[in-house]
Amino acid sequence: MQYQQGPVRLRTALQVMAGPAWQLEVDDVQRVVCHSLREGYQLPAGQLAPVPASPAITAPGGTTG
């Protein structure tokens, strides 16, 4: 990225810095700006977030089965 971009909108600057794999998402109501991975791209296997395990479900009264 160049150090001198000149006058540019913040949305454009954030997208340029993130690169083509990332989609800029803006929530104007909650004032949140984030990036999400575009379809067709994937994170390297070492950077994938672990999938949380669902909690065990027990029958009413604390008995199982």
Protein backbone atom coordinates (compact mmCIF):
# COMPACT_ATOMS: atom_id res chain seq x y z
CA MET A 1 0.00 0.00 0.00
CA GLN A 2 1.24 3.46 -0.77
CA TYR A 3 1.82 5.92 2.04
CA GLN A 4 0.32 8.76 0.00
CA GLN A 5 -3.18 7.92 -1.20
CA GLY A 6 -4.54 11.45 -1.30
CA PRO A 7 -8.11 12.29 -0.30
CA VAL A 8 -10.02 9.03 -0.07
CA ARG A 9 -13.18 7.92 1.75
CA LEU A 10 -12.66 5.85 4.90
CA ARG A 11 -14.72 2.96 3.47
CA THR A 12 -12.44 2.81 0.43
CA ALA A 13 -9.26 3.01 2.52
CA LEU A 14 -10.40 0.19 4.82
CA GLN A 15 -11.27 -2.03 1.86
CA VAL A 16 -7.95 -1.34 0.12
CA MET A 17 -6.00 -2.19 3.29
CA ALA A 18 -7.97 -5.41 3.88
CA GLY A 19 -7.54 -6.73 0.35
CA PRO A 20 -9.83 -8.58 -2.04
CA ALA A 21 -10.48 -11.58 0.25
CA TRP A 22 -12.35 -9.45 2.78
CA GLN A 23 -15.77 -7.80 2.54
CA LEU A 24 -16.29 -4.60 4.54
CA GLU A 25 -19.47 -4.71 6.63
CA VAL A 26 -20.90 -1.59 8.26
CA ASP A 27 -23.74 -1.45 10.80
CA ASP A 28 -24.81 2.19 10.83
CA VAL A 29 -27.24 1.70 13.74
CA GLN A 30 -24.76 0.09 16.15
CA ARG A 31 -21.81 1.98 14.65
CA VAL A 32 -19.82 -1.21 14.03
CA VAL A 33 -17.37 -1.74 11.19
CA CYS A 34 -15.86 -5.16 10.52
CA HIS A 35 -14.60 -7.41 7.74
CA SER A 36 -15.88 -10.86 6.82
CA LEU A 37 -14.21 -13.39 4.56
CA ARG A 38 -15.67 -13.34 1.06
CA GLU A 39 -17.18 -16.48 -0.44
CA GLY A 40 -14.56 -18.51 -2.27
CA TYR A 41 -11.78 -17.69 0.21
CA GLN A 42 -10.82 -19.64 3.32
CA LEU A 43 -8.49 -19.11 6.27
CA PRO A 44 -5.43 -21.36 6.59
CA ALA A 45 -6.18 -24.46 8.70
CA GLY A 46 -4.09 -23.17 11.62
CA GLN A 47 -6.21 -20.01 11.90
CA LEU A 48 -9.66 -21.58 11.96
CA ALA A 49 -11.63 -20.95 15.13
CA PRO A 50 -12.50 -24.12 17.06
CA VAL A 51 -16.13 -25.16 16.93
CA PRO A 52 -17.59 -25.03 20.46
CA ALA A 53 -18.95 -28.34 21.73
CA SER A 54 -22.63 -28.36 22.61
CA PRO A 55 -23.34 -28.88 26.33
CA ALA A 56 -24.58 -32.28 27.49
CA ILE A 57 -28.34 -32.46 27.88
CA THR A 58 -29.69 -34.30 30.91
CA ALA A 59 -33.20 -35.47 31.61
CA PRO A 60 -35.28 -33.64 34.24
CA GLY A 61 -34.38 -34.76 37.75
CA GLY A 62 -30.73 -35.33 36.89
CA THR A 63 -31.13 -38.86 35.49
CA THR A 64 -29.85 -39.91 32.11
CA GLY A 65 -31.43 -42.78 30.29
